[in-house]
């Protein structure tokens, strides 16, 4: 019976047992419902290969694709006071923060970094919509101020990627005070003569849109991004009218003069570098160095040995005759 237990039964179980497939191998597109393989989706910067829908992308993953070689240095951000209002709804505010930090592996809703894109030095800041909907709290305000101060210190332009549901209600009026604070930070860049470019991603709403997200020298948006102060559903319920198709989307705002460009995520790096080099007076865009030409080694030809020619010996002089003879 040992051969049945040791060989036959495991073989039968392996044939009929259900193989467990990890759940994170496939992602369903919210727009078209297509199932996308995780590696293919990551290589395409989390843009659906079927319909072109731009999904949420974490700031760290965005920076790895944005900066040359994926190399960047994080800029330190001062940490604000924890739970200044002792806020509590269904959960305490510190509990929500810890849950968001565990889910995103980030400290807060904004990441600030410095590096180069196509050899163009910049300072960049990006909001993480996966961290409490990218809500603007005191940390986000500190991050934008730190990014502006670092840009002025290094004399580099600042590029900001916005993605937020608005102000963070757990911080109340302290959150709303970040709107004038960030406006002052943008003014620091203007006084220093440094470009400030904003890339609005889906969604950018609330107090973020009413402050630093709409103060850029150049306003760029990703396709079909929702950009507004109050959402379309709230507006429809208020005015009791049906809104136009595509209302408050990036393409609609571009047609009505609120944006300068709508650029797909894959072409964003080159466009940012081109605009920044124009605004800062740098030369044409540098994609990279060409490889040095390979020179074929020339065969070594041995030089002929040069021997010195023998010198002719001087003839012996005849002895002089004696005058006495």
Protein backbone atom coordinates (compact mmCIF):
# COMPACT_ATOMS: atom_id res chain seq x y z
CA UNK A 1 0.00 0.00 0.00
CA UNK A 2 2.98 2.31 0.35
CA UNK A 3 3.30 2.82 -3.39
CA UNK A 4 -0.37 3.85 -3.57
CA UNK A 5 -0.02 6.39 -0.76
CA UNK A 6 3.37 7.65 -1.84
CA UNK A 7 2.94 7.79 -5.60
CA UNK A 8 -0.54 7.10 -7.02
CA UNK A 9 -2.60 9.28 -4.67
CA UNK A 10 -0.34 12.40 -4.93
CA UNK A 11 -0.32 12.00 -8.70
CA UNK A 12 -4.13 11.94 -8.88
CA UNK A 13 -4.42 14.88 -6.48
CA UNK A 14 -2.01 16.94 -8.59
CA UNK A 15 -4.10 16.33 -11.68
CA UNK A 16 -7.42 17.38 -10.15
CA UNK A 17 -6.31 19.95 -7.58
CA UNK A 18 -6.96 23.62 -8.35
CA UNK A 19 -3.89 25.68 -8.87
CA UNK A 20 -3.77 28.86 -6.86
CA UNK A 21 -3.07 31.97 -8.94
CA UNK A 22 -1.93 35.15 -7.17
CA UNK A 23 -4.57 37.86 -7.33
CA UNK A 24 -2.13 40.64 -8.16
CA UNK A 25 -1.09 39.21 -11.55
CA UNK A 26 -4.01 40.78 -13.42
CA UNK A 27 -5.65 44.21 -13.25
CA UNK A 28 -9.05 45.09 -14.69
CA UNK A 29 -9.29 48.37 -16.58
CA UNK A 30 -11.95 50.61 -15.04
CA UNK A 31 -12.83 52.07 -18.45
CA UNK A 32 -13.10 49.11 -20.84
CA UNK A 33 -13.01 46.11 -18.48
CA UNK A 34 -9.99 44.53 -20.19
CA UNK A 35 -7.86 42.25 -18.01
CA UNK A 36 -4.24 43.43 -18.15
CA UNK A 37 -1.17 41.46 -17.12
CA UNK A 38 0.71 43.26 -14.37
CA UNK A 39 4.09 43.32 -16.14
CA UNK A 40 2.59 44.63 -19.36
CA UNK A 41 0.69 47.28 -17.42
CA UNK A 42 3.81 48.39 -15.53
CA UNK A 43 5.87 48.62 -18.72
CA UNK A 44 3.15 50.84 -20.20
CA UNK A 45 3.22 53.20 -17.15
CA UNK A 46 -0.16 51.91 -15.94
CA UNK A 47 -1.94 52.99 -19.12
CA UNK A 48 -4.45 50.51 -20.54
CA UNK A 49 -3.08 48.98 -23.73
CA UNK A 50 -6.61 48.42 -25.03
CA UNK A 51 -8.35 51.79 -24.58
CA UNK A 52 -5.58 54.14 -23.39
CA UNK A 53 -7.18 54.78 -19.99
CA UNK A 54 -4.71 56.36 -17.55
CA UNK A 55 -4.85 54.59 -14.20
CA UNK A 56 -3.51 55.90 -10.91
CA UNK A 57 0.26 55.62 -10.58
CA UNK A 58 2.22 55.99 -7.34
CA UNK A 59 4.70 58.89 -7.11
CA UNK A 60 7.71 56.62 -6.64
CA UNK A 61 6.82 54.57 -9.72
CA UNK A 62 6.23 57.77 -11.67
CA UNK A 63 9.60 59.18 -10.67
CA UNK A 64 11.37 55.98 -11.65
CA UNK A 65 9.99 56.40 -15.17
CA UNK A 66 10.48 60.19 -15.25
CA UNK A 67 14.08 60.66 -14.12
CA UNK A 68 17.05 59.54 -16.19
CA UNK A 69 17.92 55.97 -15.31
CA UNK A 70 15.22 55.99 -12.63
CA UNK A 71 17.69 57.73 -10.30
CA UNK A 72 16.52 60.52 -8.01
CA UNK A 73 17.18 61.89 -4.54
CA UNK A 74 14.37 62.49 -2.09
CA UNK A 75 14.04 65.94 -0.54
CA UNK A 76 13.40 65.98 3.19
CA UNK A 77 10.02 67.36 4.28
CA UNK A 78 9.39 68.69 7.82
CA UNK A 79 6.94 66.51 9.70
CA UNK A 80 3.93 68.37 11.10
CA UNK A 81 2.18 67.85 14.43
CA UNK A 82 0.31 64.54 14.65
CA UNK A 83 -3.49 64.81 14.95
CA UNK A 84 -3.59 68.48 16.04
CA UNK A 85 -7.41 68.51 16.35
CA UNK A 86 -7.77 65.08 18.03
CA UNK A 87 -10.16 64.26 15.20
CA UNK A 88 -12.30 61.15 15.31
CA UNK A 89 -15.08 59.91 13.04
CA UNK A 90 -15.57 56.17 12.59
CA UNK A 91 -11.84 55.81 13.32
CA UNK A 92 -9.26 57.99 14.99
CA UNK A 93 -7.12 60.06 12.63
CA UNK A 94 -3.82 58.33 13.62
CA UNK A 95 -5.40 54.95 12.81
CA UNK A 96 -6.31 56.14 9.32
CA UNK A 97 -2.79 57.45 8.82
CA UNK A 98 -1.22 54.15 9.85
CA UNK A 99 -3.55 52.20 7.55
CA UNK A 100 -2.69 54.48 4.62
CA UNK A 101 1.04 54.19 5.33
CA UNK A 102 0.82 50.41 5.43
CA UNK A 103 -1.15 50.23 2.18
CA UNK A 104 1.06 52.65 0.24
CA UNK A 105 4.47 52.10 1.88
CA UNK A 106 4.83 55.89 1.97
CA UNK A 107 4.99 58.37 4.83
CA UNK A 108 2.40 60.78 3.46
CA UNK A 109 0.48 61.90 0.39
CA UNK A 110 3.31 63.74 -1.39
CA UNK A 111 6.83 62.79 -2.47
CA UNK A 112 9.48 65.40 -3.33
CA UNK A 113 12.61 64.52 -5.27
CA UNK A 114 15.39 66.05 -7.34
CA UNK A 115 17.11 64.66 -10.41
CA UNK A 116 17.43 65.05 -14.17
CA UNK A 117 15.16 64.34 -17.12
CA UNK A 118 17.07 64.15 -20.40
CA UNK A 119 19.91 65.91 -18.57
CA UNK A 120 17.63 68.74 -17.48
CA UNK A 121 17.99 69.24 -13.69
CA UNK A 122 14.65 69.71 -11.92
CA UNK A 123 12.88 69.40 -8.59
CA UNK A 124 9.64 67.41 -8.72
CA UNK A 125 6.73 66.83 -6.35
CA UNK A 126 3.95 64.29 -6.83
CA UNK A 127 0.78 63.55 -4.89
CA UNK A 128 -0.30 60.00 -4.13
CA UNK A 129 -4.03 59.52 -4.64
CA UNK A 130 -3.71 56.11 -2.98
CA UNK A 131 -2.84 57.83 0.33
CA UNK A 132 -6.16 59.03 1.75
CA UNK A 133 -7.24 60.18 -1.73
CA UNK A 134 -4.18 62.44 -1.95
CA UNK A 135 -5.88 64.88 0.41
CA UNK A 136 -4.06 68.13 1.16
CA UNK A 137 -3.00 68.35 4.78
CA UNK A 138 -0.20 70.11 6.63
CA UNK A 139 2.37 67.62 5.35
CA UNK A 140 1.44 68.35 1.73
CA UNK A 141 1.77 72.07 2.44
CA UNK A 142 5.19 71.50 4.02
CA UNK A 143 6.21 69.37 1.03
CA UNK A 144 5.37 72.08 -1.51
CA UNK A 145 7.18 74.73 0.53
CA UNK A 146 10.22 72.41 0.85
CA UNK A 147 10.14 71.71 -2.90
CA UNK A 148 10.01 75.43 -3.73
CA UNK A 149 12.83 76.26 -1.30
CA UNK A 150 14.99 73.47 -2.73
CA UNK A 151 14.29 74.63 -6.28
CA UNK A 152 15.32 78.20 -5.38
CA UNK A 153 18.43 76.93 -3.61
CA UNK A 154 19.54 74.85 -6.61
CA UNK A 155 18.16 77.31 -9.20
CA UNK A 156 16.10 74.57 -10.82
CA UNK A 157 12.54 74.55 -12.18
CA UNK A 158 9.78 72.84 -10.20
CA UNK A 159 7.44 70.26 -11.75
CA UNK A 160 4.38 69.25 -9.71
CA UNK A 161 2.04 66.31 -10.36
CA UNK A 162 -1.33 66.88 -8.70
CA UNK A 163 -3.84 64.16 -7.79
CA UNK A 164 -6.16 64.90 -4.89
CA UNK A 165 -9.70 64.81 -3.66
CA UNK A 166 -9.30 68.17 -1.92
CA UNK A 167 -8.42 69.30 1.57
CA UNK A 168 -8.05 66.79 4.42
CA UNK A 169 -11.09 67.13 6.65
CA UNK A 170 -9.32 65.54 9.65
CA UNK A 171 -7.14 68.66 9.92
CA UNK A 172 -9.95 71.19 9.46
CA UNK A 173 -8.93 74.83 9.11
CA UNK A 174 -5.24 73.85 9.29
CA UNK A 175 -5.71 72.00 6.03
CA UNK A 176 -7.40 74.98 4.37
CA UNK A 177 -4.52 77.21 5.46
CA UNK A 178 -2.26 75.26 3.12
CA UNK A 179 -3.93 77.01 0.18
CA UNK A 180 -2.34 80.44 0.91
CA UNK A 181 0.89 78.78 2.11
CA UNK A 182 1.39 76.97 -1.18
CA UNK A 183 0.47 80.12 -3.11
CA UNK A 184 3.31 81.94 -1.31
CA UNK A 185 5.65 79.05 -2.20
CA UNK A 186 4.77 79.42 -5.89
CA UNK A 187 5.42 83.16 -5.62
CA UNK A 188 8.92 82.36 -4.32
CA UNK A 189 9.63 80.60 -7.61
CA UNK A 190 8.31 83.54 -9.63
CA UNK A 191 10.50 86.02 -7.74
CA UNK A 192 13.52 83.78 -8.40
CA UNK A 193 12.65 83.61 -12.12
CA UNK A 194 12.23 79.82 -12.09
CA UNK A 195 9.64 77.94 -14.16
CA UNK A 196 6.79 76.18 -12.38
CA UNK A 197 5.00 73.50 -14.41
CA UNK A 198 1.91 71.64 -13.18
CA UNK A 199 0.80 68.26 -14.52
CA UNK A 200 -2.81 67.65 -13.51
CA UNK A 201 -3.73 63.98 -13.24
CA UNK A 202 -7.02 62.24 -12.50
CA UNK A 203 -8.58 63.51 -10.30
CA UNK A 204 -7.54 66.99 -9.20
CA UNK A 205 -10.38 68.58 -7.24
CA UNK A 206 -11.30 70.83 -4.33
CA UNK A 207 -8.87 73.16 -2.60
CA UNK A 208 -5.94 71.76 -4.57
CA UNK A 209 -7.48 73.09 -7.79
CA UNK A 210 -8.19 76.39 -6.05
CA UNK A 211 -4.52 76.89 -5.12
CA UNK A 212 -1.18 75.53 -6.32
CA UNK A 213 -2.57 73.19 -9.02
CA UNK A 214 -3.77 76.07 -11.22
CA UNK A 215 -0.87 78.50 -10.71
CA UNK A 216 1.64 76.95 -13.09
CA UNK A 217 3.44 78.83 -15.83
CA UNK A 218 2.46 75.91 -18.06
CA UNK A 219 -0.60 73.76 -17.33
CA UNK A 220 -0.48 70.18 -18.67
CA UNK A 221 -3.01 67.43 -18.03
CA UNK A 222 -3.20 63.71 -18.67
CA UNK A 223 -5.98 62.53 -21.00
CA UNK A 224 -9.52 62.40 -19.57
CA UNK A 225 -8.42 63.69 -16.15
CA UNK A 226 -11.17 65.17 -13.98
CA UNK A 227 -10.15 68.71 -12.98
CA UNK A 228 -12.58 70.80 -10.97
CA UNK A 229 -13.40 72.48 -7.67
CA UNK A 230 -16.86 70.98 -7.18
CA UNK A 231 -17.66 67.72 -8.94
CA UNK A 232 -20.15 67.46 -11.82
CA UNK A 233 -22.66 65.57 -9.70
CA UNK A 234 -22.76 68.38 -7.14
CA UNK A 235 -23.17 70.99 -9.87
CA UNK A 236 -26.00 69.07 -11.54
CA UNK A 237 -27.85 68.77 -8.23
CA UNK A 238 -27.35 72.48 -7.57
CA UNK A 239 -28.37 73.99 -10.91
CA UNK A 240 -30.75 71.13 -11.80
CA UNK A 241 -29.49 70.97 -15.37
CA UNK A 242 -27.71 68.34 -17.44
CA UNK A 243 -24.05 69.19 -17.99
CA UNK A 244 -22.31 68.94 -21.39
CA UNK A 245 -20.61 65.67 -22.28
CA UNK A 246 -17.05 65.55 -20.99
CA UNK A 247 -17.65 68.50 -18.66
CA UNK A 248 -14.63 69.26 -16.43
CA UNK A 249 -12.47 66.71 -18.20
CA UNK A 250 -9.02 67.61 -19.51
CA UNK A 251 -10.03 67.85 -23.18
CA UNK A 252 -13.03 70.07 -22.31
CA UNK A 253 -10.81 72.41 -20.27
CA UNK A 254 -8.23 72.54 -23.06
CA UNK A 255 -10.90 73.65 -25.55
CA UNK A 256 -12.04 76.36 -23.12
CA UNK A 257 -8.58 77.80 -22.42
CA UNK A 258 -7.85 76.49 -18.90
CA UNK A 259 -5.05 74.17 -20.01
CA UNK A 260 -2.09 74.50 -22.33
CA UNK A 261 -1.61 70.85 -23.26
CA UNK A 262 -3.15 67.40 -22.86
CA UNK A 263 -0.32 64.89 -23.10
CA UNK A 264 -0.35 61.10 -22.74
CA UNK A 265 1.79 59.74 -19.94
CA UNK A 266 4.23 58.01 -22.26
CA UNK A 267 5.12 61.28 -24.05
CA UNK A 268 5.21 63.42 -20.92
CA UNK A 269 8.90 63.07 -20.10
CA UNK A 270 10.09 64.34 -23.47
CA UNK A 271 7.57 67.18 -23.53
CA UNK A 272 8.52 68.35 -20.03
CA UNK A 273 12.21 68.33 -20.89
CA UNK A 274 11.59 70.26 -24.12
CA UNK A 275 9.50 72.95 -22.40
CA UNK A 276 11.89 73.29 -19.46
CA UNK A 277 14.94 73.67 -21.69
CA UNK A 278 13.14 76.37 -23.67
CA UNK A 279 12.12 78.26 -20.51
CA UNK A 280 15.56 78.03 -18.91
CA UNK A 281 17.54 78.89 -22.04
CA UNK A 282 19.31 75.56 -22.29
CA UNK A 283 20.31 73.96 -25.55
CA UNK A 284 18.34 71.44 -27.59
CA UNK A 285 17.00 68.32 -25.96
CA UNK A 286 19.65 65.70 -25.24
CA UNK A 287 18.34 62.14 -25.33
CA UNK A 288 21.70 60.59 -24.50
CA UNK A 289 25.25 60.14 -25.63
CA UNK A 290 26.04 58.28 -28.80
CA UNK A 291 28.38 55.36 -28.29
CA UNK A 292 31.96 56.02 -29.18
CA UNK A 293 32.84 54.71 -32.65
CA UNK A 294 34.62 51.43 -32.60
CA UNK A 295 38.02 51.80 -34.24
CA UNK A 296 39.38 48.62 -35.73
CA UNK A 297 42.88 47.97 -34.49
CA UNK A 298 45.45 48.48 -37.21
CA UNK A 299 47.94 45.67 -37.79
CA UNK A 300 51.31 46.44 -36.31
CA UNK A 301 54.01 46.53 -39.01
CA UNK A 302 57.49 45.85 -37.78
CA UNK A 303 59.86 48.62 -38.76
CA UNK A 304 62.91 47.45 -40.67
CA UNK A 305 66.07 47.40 -38.67
CA UNK A 306 68.39 50.19 -39.72
CA UNK A 307 72.01 49.33 -39.48
CA UNK A 308 74.67 52.01 -39.69
CA UNK A 309 76.71 51.91 -42.96
CA UNK A 310 80.35 50.97 -42.49
CA UNK A 311 82.56 54.01 -42.82
CA UNK A 312 85.50 53.81 -45.28
CA UNK A 313 88.88 53.90 -43.60
CA UNK A 314 91.03 56.87 -44.45
CA UNK A 315 94.09 55.92 -46.60
CA UNK A 316 97.41 55.91 -44.83
CA UNK A 317 99.62 58.92 -45.64
CA UNK A 318 102.97 58.16 -47.28
CA UNK A 319 105.94 59.00 -45.09
CA UNK A 320 107.53 62.34 -45.98
CA UNK A 321 110.93 62.14 -47.79
CA UNK A 322 114.00 63.24 -45.87
CA UNK A 323 115.34 66.51 -47.27
CA UNK A 324 118.91 65.52 -46.40
CA UNK A 325 119.03 62.80 -48.96
